[in-house]
Amino acid sequence: MDREFLIDLFADFGPVTIRRMFSGYGISADGTNFALALRAGLFFRADDVTIPSYEAEGSGPFQYQTRAKTVTVSSYWQLPARLFDDSEELAEWARAALAAAQRAKVKKRPKAKKKAAKPAKKAQVKEPAKKAARRKRTKRKA
């Protein structure tokens, strides 16, 4: 899949950003990556809400082979081939994929950590201003 094909494919969905990634492209909207266009096909972000739709269509999750094993990435599922001919329904699936990616982004946000009490620092002796200035100039030259 080339860039122009992808732009046409997502025309009914709305504006997308297409960036080179791995052996294909990463596709995002509103700063959120929701699809991958790779040699193996087009994969949309999926979660517990959307995976049943992919399963009903007979699609599977993204997989790739390493020297030792096959790795399955269950957060991206292959887009059913029939959707390439139905741009309006593809746009609906793309919106669902974007929503899944946004839900995943919210789940990933780290919780605020409580700051631990820091031990008291030892008093530091400041060096004279001339010495500090000389040290900075020496570092710049290097």
C-alpha atoms as a PDB file:
ATOM      1  CA  MET A   1       0.000   0.000   0.000  1.00  0.00           C
ATOM      2  CA  ASP A   2       1.342   3.370  -0.891  1.00  0.00           C
ATOM      3  CA  ARG A   3       0.685   6.729   0.731  1.00  0.00           C
ATOM      4  CA  GLU A   4      -1.722   7.981  -1.972  1.00  0.00           C
ATOM      5  CA  PHE A   5      -3.835   4.831  -1.715  1.00  0.00           C
ATOM      6  CA  LEU A   6      -4.106   5.280   2.060  1.00  0.00           C
ATOM      7  CA  ILE A   7      -5.099   8.937   1.735  1.00  0.00           C
ATOM      8  CA  ASP A   8      -7.900   7.947  -0.668  1.00  0.00           C
ATOM      9  CA  LEU A   9      -8.923   5.047   1.559  1.00  0.00           C
ATOM     10  CA  PHE A  10      -9.450   7.304   4.580  1.00  0.00           C
ATOM     11  CA  ALA A  11     -11.158  10.128   2.657  1.00  0.00           C
ATOM     12  CA  ASP A  12     -14.584   9.460   4.250  1.00  0.00           C
ATOM     13  CA  PHE A  13     -13.020   9.170   7.701  1.00  0.00           C
ATOM     14  CA  GLY A  14     -11.386  12.578   7.645  1.00  0.00           C
ATOM     15  CA  PRO A  15      -7.849  13.936   7.736  1.00  0.00           C
ATOM     16  CA  VAL A  16      -5.162  11.479   8.806  1.00  0.00           C
ATOM     17  CA  THR A  17      -1.430  11.733   9.333  1.00  0.00           C
ATOM     18  CA  ILE A  18       0.565   9.016   7.603  1.00  0.00           C
ATOM     19  CA  ARG A  19       4.128   8.441   8.793  1.00  0.00           C
ATOM     20  CA  ARG A  20       6.741   5.945   7.694  1.00  0.00           C
ATOM     21  CA  MET A  21       7.002   3.152  10.255  1.00  0.00           C
ATOM     22  CA  PHE A  22       8.737  -0.237  10.178  1.00  0.00           C
ATOM     23  CA  SER A  23       7.968  -1.813   6.802  1.00  0.00           C
ATOM     24  CA  GLY A  24       4.950   0.399   6.162  1.00  0.00           C
ATOM     25  CA  TYR A  25       3.073   3.323   7.663  1.00  0.00           C
ATOM     26  CA  GLY A  26       1.569   4.410  10.961  1.00  0.00           C
ATOM     27  CA  ILE A  27      -1.779   6.172  10.567  1.00  0.00           C
ATOM     28  CA  SER A  28      -3.017   8.652  13.142  1.00  0.00           C
ATOM     29  CA  ALA A  29      -5.736  11.222  13.722  1.00  0.00           C
ATOM     30  CA  ASP A  30      -5.804  13.905  16.395  1.00  0.00           C
ATOM     31  CA  GLY A  31      -2.294  12.845  17.457  1.00  0.00           C
ATOM     32  CA  THR A  32      -3.344   9.255  18.201  1.00  0.00           C
ATOM     33  CA  ASN A  33      -2.018   6.321  16.198  1.00  0.00           C
ATOM     34  CA  PHE A  34      -4.915   3.990  15.377  1.00  0.00           C
ATOM     35  CA  ALA A  35      -3.812   1.960  12.329  1.00  0.00           C
ATOM     36  CA  LEU A  36      -0.793   0.278  10.756  1.00  0.00           C
ATOM     37  CA  ALA A  37      -0.398  -0.292   7.035  1.00  0.00           C
ATOM     38  CA  LEU A  38       2.204  -3.032   6.626  1.00  0.00           C
ATOM     39  CA  ARG A  39       3.182  -5.575   3.989  1.00  0.00           C
ATOM     40  CA  ALA A  40       0.823  -8.040   5.638  1.00  0.00           C
ATOM     41  CA  GLY A  41      -2.171  -5.685   5.335  1.00  0.00           C
ATOM     42  CA  LEU A  42      -4.020  -2.930   7.132  1.00  0.00           C
ATOM     43  CA  PHE A  43      -4.408  -3.312  10.898  1.00  0.00           C
ATOM     44  CA  PHE A  44      -6.661  -1.234  13.153  1.00  0.00           C
ATOM     45  CA  ARG A  45      -6.308  -0.678  16.890  1.00  0.00           C
ATOM     46  CA  ALA A  46      -8.684  -2.942  18.808  1.00  0.00           C
ATOM     47  CA  ASP A  47      -9.720  -3.581  22.390  1.00  0.00           C
ATOM     48  CA  ASP A  48     -12.315  -5.592  24.319  1.00  0.00           C
ATOM     49  CA  VAL A  49     -15.097  -3.434  22.844  1.00  0.00           C
ATOM     50  CA  THR A  50     -14.112  -3.855  19.169  1.00  0.00           C
ATOM     51  CA  ILE A  51     -12.419  -7.283  18.992  1.00  0.00           C
ATOM     52  CA  PRO A  52     -15.754  -9.153  18.701  1.00  0.00           C
ATOM     53  CA  SER A  53     -16.431  -7.318  15.404  1.00  0.00           C
ATOM     54  CA  TYR A  54     -13.106  -8.507  13.991  1.00  0.00           C
ATOM     55  CA  GLU A  55     -13.717 -12.051  15.183  1.00  0.00           C
ATOM     56  CA  ALA A  56     -17.174 -12.058  13.556  1.00  0.00           C
ATOM     57  CA  GLU A  57     -15.514 -11.093  10.256  1.00  0.00           C
ATOM     58  CA  GLY A  58     -12.937 -13.874  10.595  1.00  0.00           C
ATOM     59  CA  SER A  59     -10.024 -11.466  11.054  1.00  0.00           C
ATOM     60  CA  GLY A  60      -7.082 -12.072  13.327  1.00  0.00           C
ATOM     61  CA  PRO A  61      -4.589 -10.054  15.331  1.00  0.00           C
ATOM     62  CA  PHE A  62      -1.327  -8.770  13.872  1.00  0.00           C
ATOM     63  CA  GLN A  63       1.454 -11.350  13.991  1.00  0.00           C
ATOM     64  CA  TYR A  64       5.103 -11.348  13.042  1.00  0.00           C
ATOM     65  CA  GLN A  65       7.824 -13.946  13.078  1.00  0.00           C
ATOM     66  CA  THR A  66      11.119 -13.768  14.972  1.00  0.00           C
ATOM     67  CA  ARG A  67      13.858 -16.355  14.744  1.00  0.00           C
ATOM     68  CA  ALA A  68      12.506 -18.133  17.792  1.00  0.00           C
ATOM     69  CA  LYS A  69       8.726 -17.683  17.685  1.00  0.00           C
ATOM     70  CA  THR A  70       5.618 -16.031  16.318  1.00  0.00           C
ATOM     71  CA  VAL A  71       4.666 -12.870  18.185  1.00  0.00           C
ATOM     72  CA  THR A  72       0.999 -11.860  18.354  1.00  0.00           C
ATOM     73  CA  VAL A  73       0.106  -8.210  18.922  1.00  0.00           C
ATOM     74  CA  SER A  74      -3.475  -8.413  20.157  1.00  0.00           C
ATOM     75  CA  SER A  75      -3.992  -4.656  20.158  1.00  0.00           C
ATOM     76  CA  TYR A  76      -4.005  -4.460  16.320  1.00  0.00           C
ATOM     77  CA  TRP A  77      -6.362  -6.577  14.184  1.00  0.00           C
ATOM     78  CA  GLN A  78      -6.460  -7.018  10.428  1.00  0.00           C
ATOM     79  CA  LEU A  79      -9.129  -5.031   8.645  1.00  0.00           C
ATOM     80  CA  PRO A  80     -11.601  -7.286   6.814  1.00  0.00           C
ATOM     81  CA  ALA A  81     -10.874  -7.225   3.066  1.00  0.00           C
ATOM     82  CA  ARG A  82     -14.491  -6.387   2.152  1.00  0.00           C
ATOM     83  CA  LEU A  83     -14.101  -2.930   3.746  1.00  0.00           C
ATOM     84  CA  PHE A  84     -11.630  -1.816   1.078  1.00  0.00           C
ATOM     85  CA  ASP A  85     -14.631  -1.534  -1.257  1.00  0.00           C
ATOM     86  CA  ASP A  86     -16.939   0.250   1.207  1.00  0.00           C
ATOM     87  CA  SER A  87     -15.366   3.554   2.250  1.00  0.00           C
ATOM     88  CA  GLU A  88     -18.292   4.604   4.455  1.00  0.00           C
ATOM     89  CA  GLU A  89     -18.167   1.426   6.549  1.00  0.00           C
ATOM     90  CA  LEU A  90     -14.363   1.590   6.611  1.00  0.00           C
ATOM     91  CA  ALA A  91     -14.722   5.091   8.101  1.00  0.00           C
ATOM     92  CA  GLU A  92     -16.968   3.652  10.857  1.00  0.00           C
ATOM     93  CA  TRP A  93     -14.376   0.971  11.659  1.00  0.00           C
ATOM     94  CA  ALA A  94     -11.649   3.643  11.641  1.00  0.00           C
ATOM     95  CA  ARG A  95     -13.630   5.753  14.132  1.00  0.00           C
ATOM     96  CA  ALA A  96     -14.027   2.681  16.359  1.00  0.00           C
ATOM     97  CA  ALA A  97     -10.264   2.014  16.080  1.00  0.00           C
ATOM     98  CA  LEU A  98      -9.479   5.618  16.997  1.00  0.00           C
ATOM     99  CA  ALA A  99     -11.808   5.345  20.013  1.00  0.00           C
ATOM    100  CA  ALA A 100     -10.043   2.112  21.072  1.00  0.00           C
ATOM    101  CA  ALA A 101      -6.658   3.832  20.779  1.00  0.00           C
ATOM    102  CA  GLN A 102      -7.898   6.760  22.850  1.00  0.00           C
ATOM    103  CA  ARG A 103      -9.251   4.411  25.532  1.00  0.00           C
ATOM    104  CA  ALA A 104      -5.873   2.660  25.652  1.00  0.00           C
ATOM    105  CA  LYS A 105      -4.122   6.011  25.979  1.00  0.00           C
ATOM    106  CA  VAL A 106      -6.281   6.919  28.985  1.00  0.00           C
ATOM    107  CA  LYS A 107      -5.569   3.550  30.644  1.00  0.00           C
ATOM    108  CA  LYS A 108      -1.806   4.016  30.174  1.00  0.00           C
ATOM    109  CA  ARG A 109      -1.571   7.336  31.980  1.00  0.00           C
ATOM    110  CA  PRO A 110       0.589   6.830  35.057  1.00  0.00           C
ATOM    111  CA  LYS A 111      -0.861   7.565  38.451  1.00  0.00           C
ATOM    112  CA  ALA A 112       0.697  10.435  40.344  1.00  0.00           C
ATOM    113  CA  LYS A 113       3.381   9.124  42.657  1.00  0.00           C
ATOM    114  CA  LYS A 114       3.777  10.374  46.170  1.00  0.00           C
ATOM    115  CA  LYS A 115       7.096  12.077  46.682  1.00  0.00           C
ATOM    116  CA  ALA A 116       9.291  10.419  49.241  1.00  0.00           C
ATOM    117  CA  ALA A 117      10.905  12.576  51.865  1.00  0.00           C
ATOM    118  CA  LYS A 118      14.453  13.389  50.774  1.00  0.00           C
ATOM    119  CA  PRO A 119      17.279  13.187  53.270  1.00  0.00           C
ATOM    120  CA  ALA A 120      18.793  16.501  54.303  1.00  0.00           C
ATOM    121  CA  LYS A 121      21.650  17.588  52.054  1.00  0.00           C
ATOM    122  CA  LYS A 122      25.050  18.458  53.388  1.00  0.00           C
ATOM    123  CA  ALA A 123      25.986  22.077  53.096  1.00  0.00           C
ATOM    124  CA  GLN A 124      27.962  22.668  49.926  1.00  0.00           C
ATOM    125  CA  VAL A 125      30.782  25.131  49.755  1.00  0.00           C
ATOM    126  CA  LYS A 126      30.386  27.391  46.746  1.00  0.00           C
ATOM    127  CA  GLU A 127      33.439  28.105  44.667  1.00  0.00           C
ATOM    128  CA  PRO A 128      34.353  31.687  43.894  1.00  0.00           C
ATOM    129  CA  ALA A 129      32.555  33.223  40.915  1.00  0.00           C
ATOM    130  CA  LYS A 130      35.796  33.645  38.908  1.00  0.00           C
ATOM    131  CA  LYS A 131      36.604  29.932  39.198  1.00  0.00           C
ATOM    132  CA  ALA A 132      33.084  28.925  38.142  1.00  0.00           C
ATOM    133  CA  ALA A 133      33.208  31.245  35.105  1.00  0.00           C
ATOM    134  CA  ARG A 134      36.623  29.862  34.081  1.00  0.00           C
ATOM    135  CA  ARG A 135      35.313  26.292  34.350  1.00  0.00           C
ATOM    136  CA  LYS A 136      32.325  27.095  32.079  1.00  0.00           C
ATOM    137  CA  ARG A 137      34.605  28.661  29.430  1.00  0.00           C
ATOM    138  CA  THR A 138      36.894  25.627  29.488  1.00  0.00           C
ATOM    139  CA  LYS A 139      33.931  23.261  28.938  1.00  0.00           C
ATOM    140  CA  ARG A 140      32.689  25.310  25.962  1.00  0.00           C
ATOM    141  CA  LYS A 141      36.069  25.146  24.207  1.00  0.00           C
ATOM    142  CA  ALA A 142      36.253  21.379  24.538  1.00  0.00           C
END
